């Protein structure tokens, strides 16, 4: 169940982070509300995931998956195109999480 909570946390964080641009410095109420609620759900889900998953592992997965999903979301919704070095960097982030998940003894 811990991985489910981490997934919920990541999705909520991606939604909240993506809404930050639309919130326009917290001047637009609906996107601002989405940011606040999204981060609240994200940290609640992360706190539940940390009951079973080591904090370093959980945060590494949270960060990596979040970076990838926020980058893709920005590309789709805000037309912020990623260049080749950005794509290579994201690929390295994904590779790092895979190494952690597949070979590290730190993973719960």
PDB file of N, CA and C in Angstrom:
ATOM      1  N   UNK A   1       0.820  -1.206   0.000  1.00  0.00           N
ATOM      2  CA  UNK A   1       0.000   0.000   0.000  1.00  0.00           C
ATOM      3  C   UNK A   1       0.864   1.271   0.000  1.00  0.00           C
ATOM      4  N   UNK A   2       2.083   1.143   0.515  1.00  0.00           N
ATOM      5  CA  UNK A   2       2.962   2.313   0.582  1.00  0.00           C
ATOM      6  C   UNK A   2       3.250   2.878  -0.806  1.00  0.00           C
ATOM      7  N   UNK A   3       3.447   1.996  -1.766  1.00  0.00           N
ATOM      8  CA  UNK A   3       3.731   2.461  -3.130  1.00  0.00           C
ATOM      9  C   UNK A   3       2.507   3.122  -3.746  1.00  0.00           C
ATOM     10  N   UNK A   4       1.324   2.680  -3.357  1.00  0.00           N
ATOM     11  CA  UNK A   4       0.095   3.337  -3.822  1.00  0.00           C
ATOM     12  C   UNK A   4       0.031   4.756  -3.274  1.00  0.00           C
ATOM     13  N   UNK A   5       0.357   4.921  -1.976  1.00  0.00           N
ATOM     14  CA  UNK A   5       0.365   6.259  -1.381  1.00  0.00           C
ATOM     15  C   UNK A   5       1.412   7.147  -2.027  1.00  0.00           C
ATOM     16  N   UNK A   6       2.556   6.566  -2.357  1.00  0.00           N
ATOM     17  CA  UNK A   6       3.591   7.351  -3.021  1.00  0.00           C
ATOM     18  C   UNK A   6       3.118   7.781  -4.412  1.00  0.00           C
ATOM     19  N   UNK A   7       2.418   6.912  -5.105  1.00  0.00           N
ATOM     20  CA  UNK A   7       1.869   7.250  -6.422  1.00  0.00           C
ATOM     21  C   UNK A   7       0.852   8.382  -6.312  1.00  0.00           C
ATOM     22  N   UNK A   8      -0.028   8.296  -5.327  1.00  0.00           N
ATOM     23  CA  UNK A   8      -1.007   9.373  -5.090  1.00  0.00           C
ATOM     24  C   UNK A   8      -0.274  10.687  -4.818  1.00  0.00           C
ATOM     25  N   UNK A   9       0.755  10.613  -3.978  1.00  0.00           N
ATOM     26  CA  UNK A   9       1.527  11.802  -3.634  1.00  0.00           C
ATOM     27  C   UNK A   9       2.186  12.420  -4.869  1.00  0.00           C
ATOM     28  N   UNK A  10       2.749  11.589  -5.709  1.00  0.00           N
ATOM     29  CA  UNK A  10       3.428  12.084  -6.913  1.00  0.00           C
ATOM     30  C   UNK A  10       2.426  12.736  -7.861  1.00  0.00           C
ATOM     31  N   UNK A  11       1.304  12.097  -8.077  1.00  0.00           N
ATOM     32  CA  UNK A  11       0.297  12.655  -8.987  1.00  0.00           C
ATOM     33  C   UNK A  11      -0.214  13.991  -8.458  1.00  0.00           C
ATOM     34  N   UNK A  12      -0.482  14.058  -7.157  1.00  0.00           N
ATOM     35  CA  UNK A  12      -0.963  15.311  -6.561  1.00  0.00           C
ATOM     36  C   UNK A  12       0.091  16.410  -6.676  1.00  0.00           C
ATOM     37  N   UNK A  13       1.348  16.044  -6.475  1.00  0.00           N
ATOM     38  CA  UNK A  13       2.428  17.024  -6.580  1.00  0.00           C
ATOM     39  C   UNK A  13       2.590  17.529  -8.003  1.00  0.00           C
ATOM     40  N   UNK A  14       2.447  16.642  -8.966  1.00  0.00           N
ATOM     41  CA  UNK A  14       2.555  17.041 -10.376  1.00  0.00           C
ATOM     42  C   UNK A  14       1.414  17.987 -10.746  1.00  0.00           C
ATOM     43  N   UNK A  15       0.208  17.674 -10.302  1.00  0.00           N
ATOM     44  CA  UNK A  15      -0.936  18.551 -10.568  1.00  0.00           C
ATOM     45  C   UNK A  15      -0.709  19.918  -9.931  1.00  0.00           C
ATOM     46  N   UNK A  16      -0.280  19.917  -8.667  1.00  0.00           N
ATOM     47  CA  UNK A  16      -0.061  21.182  -7.960  1.00  0.00           C
ATOM     48  C   UNK A  16       1.051  22.004  -8.609  1.00  0.00           C
ATOM     49  N   UNK A  17       2.160  21.364  -8.928  1.00  0.00           N
ATOM     50  CA  UNK A  17       3.281  22.082  -9.540  1.00  0.00           C
ATOM     51  C   UNK A  17       2.893  22.622 -10.909  1.00  0.00           C
ATOM     52  N   UNK A  18       2.170  21.842 -11.668  1.00  0.00           N
ATOM     53  CA  UNK A  18       1.737  22.286 -12.993  1.00  0.00           C
ATOM     54  C   UNK A  18       0.757  23.448 -12.895  1.00  0.00           C
ATOM     55  N   UNK A  19      -0.033  23.482 -11.836  1.00  0.00           N
ATOM     56  CA  UNK A  19      -0.999  24.565 -11.651  1.00  0.00           C
ATOM     57  C   UNK A  19      -0.336  25.865 -11.198  1.00  0.00           C
ATOM     58  N   UNK A  20       0.905  25.794 -10.713  1.00  0.00           N
ATOM     59  CA  UNK A  20       1.589  27.004 -10.265  1.00  0.00           C
ATOM     60  C   UNK A  20       1.674  28.062 -11.367  1.00  0.00           C
ATOM     61  N   UNK A  21       1.963  27.624 -12.578  1.00  0.00           N
ATOM     62  CA  UNK A  21       2.059  28.588 -13.682  1.00  0.00           C
ATOM     63  C   UNK A  21       0.702  29.238 -13.947  1.00  0.00           C
ATOM     64  N   UNK A  22      -0.343  28.425 -13.945  1.00  0.00           N
ATOM     65  CA  UNK A  22      -1.686  28.956 -14.183  1.00  0.00           C
ATOM     66  C   UNK A  22      -2.155  29.849 -13.030  1.00  0.00           C
ATOM     67  N   UNK A  23      -1.635  29.630 -11.827  1.00  0.00           N
ATOM     68  CA  UNK A  23      -2.028  30.440 -10.670  1.00  0.00           C
ATOM     69  C   UNK A  23      -1.514  31.876 -10.789  1.00  0.00           C
ATOM     70  N   UNK A  24      -0.507  32.085 -11.624  1.00  0.00           N
ATOM     71  CA  UNK A  24       0.011  33.425 -11.920  1.00  0.00           C
ATOM     72  C   UNK A  24       0.303  34.214 -10.643  1.00  0.00           C
ATOM     73  N   UNK A  25       1.215  33.634  -9.831  1.00  0.00           N
ATOM     74  CA  UNK A  25       1.591  34.317  -8.591  1.00  0.00           C
ATOM     75  C   UNK A  25       0.471  34.343  -7.568  1.00  0.00           C
ATOM     76  N   UNK A  26      -0.372  33.348  -7.593  1.00  0.00           N
ATOM     77  CA  UNK A  26      -1.533  33.218  -6.705  1.00  0.00           C
ATOM     78  C   UNK A  26      -2.535  34.361  -6.889  1.00  0.00           C
ATOM     79  N   UNK A  27      -2.631  34.871  -8.111  1.00  0.00           N
ATOM     80  CA  UNK A  27      -3.614  35.911  -8.408  1.00  0.00           C
ATOM     81  C   UNK A  27      -4.892  35.337  -9.015  1.00  0.00           C
ATOM     82  N   UNK A  28      -4.865  34.070  -9.391  1.00  0.00           N
ATOM     83  CA  UNK A  28      -6.047  33.419  -9.966  1.00  0.00           C
ATOM     84  C   UNK A  28      -6.540  32.372  -8.967  1.00  0.00           C
ATOM     85  N   UNK A  29      -7.775  32.532  -8.465  1.00  0.00           N
ATOM     86  CA  UNK A  29      -8.263  31.705  -7.350  1.00  0.00           C
ATOM     87  C   UNK A  29      -8.313  30.199  -7.614  1.00  0.00           C
ATOM     88  N   UNK A  30      -8.873  29.770  -8.719  1.00  0.00           N
ATOM     89  CA  UNK A  30      -9.044  28.330  -8.947  1.00  0.00           C
ATOM     90  C   UNK A  30      -7.703  27.600  -9.079  1.00  0.00           C
ATOM     91  N   UNK A  31      -6.787  28.065  -9.929  1.00  0.00           N
ATOM     92  CA  UNK A  31      -5.491  27.384  -9.973  1.00  0.00           C
ATOM     93  C   UNK A  31      -4.738  27.470  -8.634  1.00  0.00           C
ATOM     94  N   UNK A  32      -4.903  28.579  -7.913  1.00  0.00           N
ATOM     95  CA  UNK A  32      -4.255  28.717  -6.605  1.00  0.00           C
ATOM     96  C   UNK A  32      -4.787  27.691  -5.626  1.00  0.00           C
ATOM     97  N   UNK A  33      -6.087  27.477  -5.645  1.00  0.00           N
ATOM     98  CA  UNK A  33      -6.702  26.461  -4.790  1.00  0.00           C
ATOM     99  C   UNK A  33      -6.182  25.073  -5.160  1.00  0.00           C
ATOM    100  N   UNK A  34      -6.034  24.816  -6.443  1.00  0.00           N
ATOM    101  CA  UNK A  34      -5.503  23.543  -6.921  1.00  0.00           C
ATOM    102  C   UNK A  34      -4.079  23.325  -6.416  1.00  0.00           C
ATOM    103  N   UNK A  35      -3.282  24.370  -6.388  1.00  0.00           N
ATOM    104  CA  UNK A  35      -1.912  24.280  -5.878  1.00  0.00           C
ATOM    105  C   UNK A  35      -1.925  23.896  -4.399  1.00  0.00           C
ATOM    106  N   UNK A  36      -2.699  24.601  -3.606  1.00  0.00           N
ATOM    107  CA  UNK A  36      -2.724  24.371  -2.156  1.00  0.00           C
ATOM    108  C   UNK A  36      -3.267  22.980  -1.828  1.00  0.00           C
ATOM    109  N   UNK A  37      -4.377  22.612  -2.432  1.00  0.00           N
ATOM    110  CA  UNK A  37      -4.975  21.294  -2.174  1.00  0.00           C
ATOM    111  C   UNK A  37      -4.055  20.188  -2.693  1.00  0.00           C
ATOM    112  N   UNK A  38      -3.494  20.391  -3.877  1.00  0.00           N
ATOM    113  CA  UNK A  38      -2.603  19.388  -4.455  1.00  0.00           C
ATOM    114  C   UNK A  38      -1.393  19.114  -3.587  1.00  0.00           C
ATOM    115  N   UNK A  39      -0.756  20.169  -3.094  1.00  0.00           N
ATOM    116  CA  UNK A  39       0.403  19.972  -2.226  1.00  0.00           C
ATOM    117  C   UNK A  39      -0.001  19.356  -0.889  1.00  0.00           C
ATOM    118  N   UNK A  40      -1.177  19.712  -0.387  1.00  0.00           N
ATOM    119  CA  UNK A  40      -1.653  19.089   0.847  1.00  0.00           C
ATOM    120  C   UNK A  40      -1.816  17.587   0.689  1.00  0.00           C
ATOM    121  N   UNK A  41      -2.456  17.179  -0.396  1.00  0.00           N
ATOM    122  CA  UNK A  41      -2.634  15.748  -0.678  1.00  0.00           C
ATOM    123  C   UNK A  41      -1.282  15.086  -0.905  1.00  0.00           C
ATOM    124  N   UNK A  42      -0.395  15.783  -1.611  1.00  0.00           N
ATOM    125  CA  UNK A  42       0.923  15.216  -1.913  1.00  0.00           C
ATOM    126  C   UNK A  42       1.702  14.901  -0.639  1.00  0.00           C
ATOM    127  N   UNK A  43       1.751  15.837   0.272  1.00  0.00           N
ATOM    128  CA  UNK A  43       2.524  15.611   1.497  1.00  0.00           C
ATOM    129  C   UNK A  43       1.835  14.619   2.427  1.00  0.00           C
ATOM    130  N   UNK A  44       0.520  14.593   2.421  1.00  0.00           N
ATOM    131  CA  UNK A  44      -0.217  13.589   3.197  1.00  0.00           C
ATOM    132  C   UNK A  44       0.103  12.193   2.659  1.00  0.00           C
ATOM    133  N   UNK A  45       0.020  12.025   1.327  1.00  0.00           N
ATOM    134  CA  UNK A  45       0.332  10.729   0.722  1.00  0.00           C
ATOM    135  C   UNK A  45       1.774  10.320   0.963  1.00  0.00           C
ATOM    136  N   UNK A  46       2.693  11.279   0.851  1.00  0.00           N
ATOM    137  CA  UNK A  46       4.104  10.976   1.105  1.00  0.00           C
ATOM    138  C   UNK A  46       4.302  10.547   2.557  1.00  0.00           C
ATOM    139  N   UNK A  47       3.638  11.204   3.486  1.00  0.00           N
ATOM    140  CA  UNK A  47       3.797  10.836   4.899  1.00  0.00           C
ATOM    141  C   UNK A  47       3.313   9.416   5.156  1.00  0.00           C
ATOM    142  N   UNK A  48       2.253   9.010   4.465  1.00  0.00           N
ATOM    143  CA  UNK A  48       1.755   7.637   4.618  1.00  0.00           C
ATOM    144  C   UNK A  48       2.711   6.634   3.962  1.00  0.00           C
ATOM    145  N   UNK A  49       3.278   6.999   2.835  1.00  0.00           N
ATOM    146  CA  UNK A  49       4.232   6.112   2.156  1.00  0.00           C
ATOM    147  C   UNK A  49       5.483   5.903   3.007  1.00  0.00           C
ATOM    148  N   UNK A  50       5.877   6.931   3.745  1.00  0.00           N
ATOM    149  CA  UNK A  50       7.102   6.853   4.548  1.00  0.00           C
ATOM    150  C   UNK A  50       6.978   5.922   5.748  1.00  0.00           C
ATOM    151  N   UNK A  51       5.786   5.433   6.003  1.00  0.00           N
ATOM    152  CA  UNK A  51       5.627   4.431   7.062  1.00  0.00           C
ATOM    153  C   UNK A  51       6.368   3.144   6.713  1.00  0.00           C
ATOM    154  N   UNK A  52       6.501   2.869   5.406  1.00  0.00           N
ATOM    155  CA  UNK A  52       7.115   1.605   4.970  1.00  0.00           C
ATOM    156  C   UNK A  52       8.316   1.775   4.046  1.00  0.00           C
ATOM    157  N   UNK A  53       8.357   2.857   3.315  1.00  0.00           N
ATOM    158  CA  UNK A  53       9.432   3.070   2.343  1.00  0.00           C
ATOM    159  C   UNK A  53      10.483   3.980   2.985  1.00  0.00           C
ATOM    160  N   UNK A  54      11.764   3.618   2.908  1.00  0.00           N
ATOM    161  CA  UNK A  54      12.807   4.498   3.449  1.00  0.00           C
ATOM    162  C   UNK A  54      12.729   5.884   2.806  1.00  0.00           C
ATOM    163  N   UNK A  55      12.968   6.920   3.596  1.00  0.00           N
ATOM    164  CA  UNK A  55      12.789   8.291   3.122  1.00  0.00           C
ATOM    165  C   UNK A  55      13.663   8.609   1.905  1.00  0.00           C
ATOM    166  N   UNK A  56      14.893   8.131   1.880  1.00  0.00           N
ATOM    167  CA  UNK A  56      15.765   8.398   0.738  1.00  0.00           C
ATOM    168  C   UNK A  56      15.241   7.792  -0.546  1.00  0.00           C
ATOM    169  N   UNK A  57      14.736   6.584  -0.438  1.00  0.00           N
ATOM    170  CA  UNK A  57      14.179   5.897  -1.609  1.00  0.00           C
ATOM    171  C   UNK A  57      12.901   6.596  -2.065  1.00  0.00           C
ATOM    172  N   UNK A  58      12.014   6.876  -1.118  1.00  0.00           N
ATOM    173  CA  UNK A  58      10.739   7.522  -1.458  1.00  0.00           C
ATOM    174  C   UNK A  58      10.983   8.877  -2.111  1.00  0.00           C
ATOM    175  N   UNK A  59      11.901   9.643  -1.551  1.00  0.00           N
ATOM    176  CA  UNK A  59      12.150  10.973  -2.096  1.00  0.00           C
ATOM    177  C   UNK A  59      12.825  10.902  -3.459  1.00  0.00           C
ATOM    178  N   UNK A  60      13.690   9.928  -3.652  1.00  0.00           N
ATOM    179  CA  UNK A  60      14.330   9.765  -4.962  1.00  0.00           C
ATOM    180  C   UNK A  60      13.285   9.444  -6.032  1.00  0.00           C
ATOM    181  N   UNK A  61      12.391   8.530  -5.713  1.00  0.00           N
ATOM    182  CA  UNK A  61      11.339   8.167  -6.666  1.00  0.00           C
ATOM    183  C   UNK A  61      10.407   9.350  -6.884  1.00  0.00           C
ATOM    184  N   UNK A  62       9.987   9.999  -5.795  1.00  0.00           N
ATOM    185  CA  UNK A  62       9.105  11.168  -5.856  1.00  0.00           C
ATOM    186  C   UNK A  62       9.715  12.228  -6.767  1.00  0.00           C
ATOM    187  N   UNK A  63      10.973  12.546  -6.540  1.00  0.00           N
ATOM    188  CA  UNK A  63      11.640  13.596  -7.302  1.00  0.00           C
ATOM    189  C   UNK A  63      11.770  13.231  -8.776  1.00  0.00           C
ATOM    190  N   UNK A  64      12.246  12.036  -9.025  1.00  0.00           N
ATOM    191  CA  UNK A  64      12.493  11.626 -10.412  1.00  0.00           C
ATOM    192  C   UNK A  64      11.207  11.542 -11.220  1.00  0.00           C
ATOM    193  N   UNK A  65      10.235  10.853 -10.687  1.00  0.00           N
ATOM    194  CA  UNK A  65       8.971  10.716 -11.418  1.00  0.00           C
ATOM    195  C   UNK A  65       8.298  12.078 -11.559  1.00  0.00           C
ATOM    196  N   UNK A  66       8.378  12.890 -10.509  1.00  0.00           N
ATOM    197  CA  UNK A  66       7.803  14.228 -10.568  1.00  0.00           C
ATOM    198  C   UNK A  66       8.446  15.085 -11.639  1.00  0.00           C
ATOM    199  N   UNK A  67       9.771  15.051 -11.725  1.00  0.00           N
ATOM    200  CA  UNK A  67      10.487  15.827 -12.746  1.00  0.00           C
ATOM    201  C   UNK A  67      10.047  15.409 -14.144  1.00  0.00           C
ATOM    202  N   UNK A  68       9.980  14.122 -14.361  1.00  0.00           N
ATOM    203  CA  UNK A  68       9.588  13.624 -15.684  1.00  0.00           C
ATOM    204  C   UNK A  68       8.157  14.043 -16.009  1.00  0.00           C
ATOM    205  N   UNK A  69       7.233  13.818 -15.078  1.00  0.00           N
ATOM    206  CA  UNK A  69       5.824  14.115 -15.355  1.00  0.00           C
ATOM    207  C   UNK A  69       5.561  15.618 -15.474  1.00  0.00           C
ATOM    208  N   UNK A  70       6.215  16.436 -14.641  1.00  0.00           N
ATOM    209  CA  UNK A  70       6.033  17.883 -14.760  1.00  0.00           C
ATOM    210  C   UNK A  70       6.605  18.369 -16.093  1.00  0.00           C
ATOM    211  N   UNK A  71       7.730  17.824 -16.510  1.00  0.00           N
ATOM    212  CA  UNK A  71       8.321  18.210 -17.797  1.00  0.00           C
ATOM    213  C   UNK A  71       7.395  17.855 -18.952  1.00  0.00           C
ATOM    214  N   UNK A  72       6.826  16.670 -18.909  1.00  0.00           N
ATOM    215  CA  UNK A  72       5.891  16.250 -19.968  1.00  0.00           C
ATOM    216  C   UNK A  72       4.632  17.111 -19.928  1.00  0.00           C
ATOM    217  N   UNK A  73       4.122  17.381 -18.735  1.00  0.00           N
ATOM    218  CA  UNK A  73       2.930  18.216 -18.593  1.00  0.00           C
ATOM    219  C   UNK A  73       3.181  19.621 -19.136  1.00  0.00           C
ATOM    220  N   UNK A  74       4.341  20.192 -18.803  1.00  0.00           N
ATOM    221  CA  UNK A  74       4.680  21.531 -19.304  1.00  0.00           C
ATOM    222  C   UNK A  74       4.806  21.524 -20.823  1.00  0.00           C
ATOM    223  N   UNK A  75       5.316  20.443 -21.355  1.00  0.00           N
ATOM    224  CA  UNK A  75       5.450  20.322 -22.806  1.00  0.00           C
ATOM    225  C   UNK A  75       4.064  20.307 -23.467  1.00  0.00           C
ATOM    226  N   UNK A  76       3.153  19.537 -22.886  1.00  0.00           N
ATOM    227  CA  UNK A  76       1.816  19.382 -23.473  1.00  0.00           C
ATOM    228  C   UNK A  76       0.949  20.620 -23.266  1.00  0.00           C
ATOM    229  N   UNK A  77       0.872  21.107 -22.019  1.00  0.00           N
ATOM    230  CA  UNK A  77      -0.081  22.175 -21.704  1.00  0.00           C
ATOM    231  C   UNK A  77       0.472  23.587 -21.888  1.00  0.00           C
ATOM    232  N   UNK A  78       1.761  23.763 -21.734  1.00  0.00           N
ATOM    233  CA  UNK A  78       2.344  25.098 -21.825  1.00  0.00           C
ATOM    234  C   UNK A  78       3.282  25.251 -23.019  1.00  0.00           C
ATOM    235  N   UNK A  79       3.370  24.217 -23.840  1.00  0.00           N
ATOM    236  CA  UNK A  79       4.201  24.241 -25.051  1.00  0.00           C
ATOM    237  C   UNK A  79       5.668  24.567 -24.742  1.00  0.00           C
ATOM    238  N   UNK A  80       6.155  24.104 -23.591  1.00  0.00           N
ATOM    239  CA  UNK A  80       7.553  24.308 -23.221  1.00  0.00           C
ATOM    240  C   UNK A  80       8.344  23.097 -23.715  1.00  0.00           C
ATOM    241  N   UNK A  81       8.877  23.253 -24.913  1.00  0.00           N
ATOM    242  CA  UNK A  81       9.544  22.152 -25.601  1.00  0.00           C
ATOM    243  C   UNK A  81      10.881  21.835 -24.929  1.00  0.00           C
ATOM    244  N   UNK A  82      11.155  20.552 -24.787  1.00  0.00           N
ATOM    245  CA  UNK A  82      12.414  20.093 -24.217  1.00  0.00           C
ATOM    246  C   UNK A  82      13.416  19.847 -25.340  1.00  0.00           C
ATOM    247  N   UNK A  83      14.630  20.386 -25.171  1.00  0.00           N
ATOM    248  CA  UNK A  83      15.665  20.156 -26.175  1.00  0.00           C
ATOM    249  C   UNK A  83      16.389  18.835 -25.874  1.00  0.00           C
ATOM    250  N   UNK A  84      17.328  18.493 -26.726  1.00  0.00           N
ATOM    251  CA  UNK A  84      18.036  17.219 -26.595  1.00  0.00           C
ATOM    252  C   UNK A  84      18.751  17.064 -25.253  1.00  0.00           C
ATOM    253  N   UNK A  85      19.493  18.064 -24.770  1.00  0.00           N
ATOM    254  CA  UNK A  85      20.128  17.893 -23.459  1.00  0.00           C
ATOM    255  C   UNK A  85      19.104  17.667 -22.335  1.00  0.00           C
ATOM    256  N   UNK A  86      17.956  18.336 -22.407  1.00  0.00           N
ATOM    257  CA  UNK A  86      16.918  18.130 -21.389  1.00  0.00           C
ATOM    258  C   UNK A  86      16.394  16.699 -21.443  1.00  0.00           C
ATOM    259  N   UNK A  87      16.168  16.195 -22.623  1.00  0.00           N
ATOM    260  CA  UNK A  87      15.688  14.817 -22.774  1.00  0.00           C
ATOM    261  C   UNK A  87      16.725  13.808 -22.287  1.00  0.00           C
ATOM    262  N   UNK A  88      17.990  14.072 -22.569  1.00  0.00           N
ATOM    263  CA  UNK A  88      19.066  13.192 -22.081  1.00  0.00           C
ATOM    264  C   UNK A  88      19.092  13.220 -20.557  1.00  0.00           C
ATOM    265  N   UNK A  89      18.989  14.406 -19.986  1.00  0.00           N
ATOM    266  CA  UNK A  89      18.968  14.533 -18.531  1.00  0.00           C
ATOM    267  C   UNK A  89      17.812  13.787 -17.900  1.00  0.00           C
ATOM    268  N   UNK A  90      16.642  13.901 -18.492  1.00  0.00           N
ATOM    269  CA  UNK A  90      15.479  13.170 -17.981  1.00  0.00           C
ATOM    270  C   UNK A  90      15.706  11.671 -18.114  1.00  0.00           C
ATOM    271  N   UNK A  91      16.307  11.248 -19.205  1.00  0.00           N
ATOM    272  CA  UNK A  91      16.639   9.828 -19.375  1.00  0.00           C
ATOM    273  C   UNK A  91      17.580   9.335 -18.289  1.00  0.00           C
ATOM    274  N   UNK A  92      18.547  10.171 -17.917  1.00  0.00           N
ATOM    275  CA  UNK A  92      19.469   9.797 -16.841  1.00  0.00           C
ATOM    276  C   UNK A  92      18.754   9.720 -15.496  1.00  0.00           C
ATOM    277  N   UNK A  93      17.811  10.605 -15.274  1.00  0.00           N
ATOM    278  CA  UNK A  93      17.019  10.547 -14.040  1.00  0.00           C
ATOM    279  C   UNK A  93      16.240   9.238 -13.978  1.00  0.00           C
ATOM    280  N   UNK A  94      15.609   8.875 -15.084  1.00  0.00           N
ATOM    281  CA  UNK A  94      14.858   7.612 -15.141  1.00  0.00           C
ATOM    282  C   UNK A  94      15.803   6.439 -14.908  1.00  0.00           C
ATOM    283  N   UNK A  95      16.977   6.483 -15.514  1.00  0.00           N
ATOM    284  CA  UNK A  95      17.960   5.414 -15.320  1.00  0.00           C
ATOM    285  C   UNK A  95      18.363   5.304 -13.850  1.00  0.00           C
ATOM    286  N   UNK A  96      18.530   6.424 -13.186  1.00  0.00           N
ATOM    287  CA  UNK A  96      18.886   6.416 -11.774  1.00  0.00           C
ATOM    288  C   UNK A  96      17.828   5.757 -10.910  1.00  0.00           C
ATOM    289  N   UNK A  97      16.580   6.049 -11.177  1.00  0.00           N
ATOM    290  CA  UNK A  97      15.490   5.417 -10.413  1.00  0.00           C
ATOM    291  C   UNK A  97      15.440   3.926 -10.705  1.00  0.00           C
ATOM    292  N   UNK A  98      15.656   3.552 -11.942  1.00  0.00           N
ATOM    293  CA  UNK A  98      15.665   2.126 -12.274  1.00  0.00           C
ATOM    294  C   UNK A  98      16.787   1.392 -11.547  1.00  0.00           C
ATOM    295  N   UNK A  99      17.961   1.991 -11.491  1.00  0.00           N
ATOM    296  CA  UNK A  99      19.075   1.381 -10.747  1.00  0.00           C
ATOM    297  C   UNK A  99      18.689   1.218  -9.282  1.00  0.00           C
ATOM    298  N   UNK A 100      18.108   2.254  -8.718  1.00  0.00           N
ATOM    299  CA  UNK A 100      17.685   2.205  -7.325  1.00  0.00           C
ATOM    300  C   UNK A 100      16.663   1.096  -7.102  1.00  0.00           C
ATOM    301  N   UNK A 101      15.683   1.023  -7.954  1.00  0.00           N
ATOM    302  CA  UNK A 101      14.612   0.038  -7.800  1.00  0.00           C
ATOM    303  C   UNK A 101      15.055  -1.396  -8.068  1.00  0.00           C
ATOM    304  N   UNK A 102      15.913  -1.580  -9.042  1.00  0.00           N
ATOM    305  CA  UNK A 102      16.274  -2.925  -9.452  1.00  0.00           C
ATOM    306  C   UNK A 102      17.431  -3.545  -8.679  1.00  0.00           C
ATOM    307  N   UNK A 103      18.366  -2.703  -8.215  1.00  0.00           N
ATOM    308  CA  UNK A 103      19.575  -3.287  -7.618  1.00  0.00           C
ATOM    309  C   UNK A 103      19.902  -2.836  -6.205  1.00  0.00           C
ATOM    310  N   UNK A 104      19.281  -1.790  -5.726  1.00  0.00           N
ATOM    311  CA  UNK A 104      19.609  -1.306  -4.386  1.00  0.00           C
ATOM    312  C   UNK A 104      18.938  -2.160  -3.324  1.00  0.00           C
ATOM    313  N   UNK A 105      19.670  -2.427  -2.268  1.00  0.00           N
ATOM    314  CA  UNK A 105      19.116  -3.139  -1.130  1.00  0.00           C
ATOM    315  C   UNK A 105      18.397  -2.185  -0.185  1.00  0.00           C
ATOM    316  N   UNK A 106      18.390  -0.884  -0.497  1.00  0.00           N
ATOM    317  CA  UNK A 106      17.717   0.113   0.321  1.00  0.00           C
ATOM    318  C   UNK A 106      16.219   0.160   0.080  1.00  0.00           C
ATOM    319  N   UNK A 107      15.776  -0.390  -1.043  1.00  0.00           N
ATOM    320  CA  UNK A 107      14.354  -0.343  -1.398  1.00  0.00           C
ATOM    321  C   UNK A 107      13.575  -1.290  -0.512  1.00  0.00           C
ATOM    322  N   UNK A 108      12.469  -0.769   0.016  1.00  0.00           N
ATOM    323  CA  UNK A 108      11.636  -1.603   0.907  1.00  0.00           C
ATOM    324  C   UNK A 108      10.945  -2.711   0.140  1.00  0.00           C
TER     325      UNK A 108
END
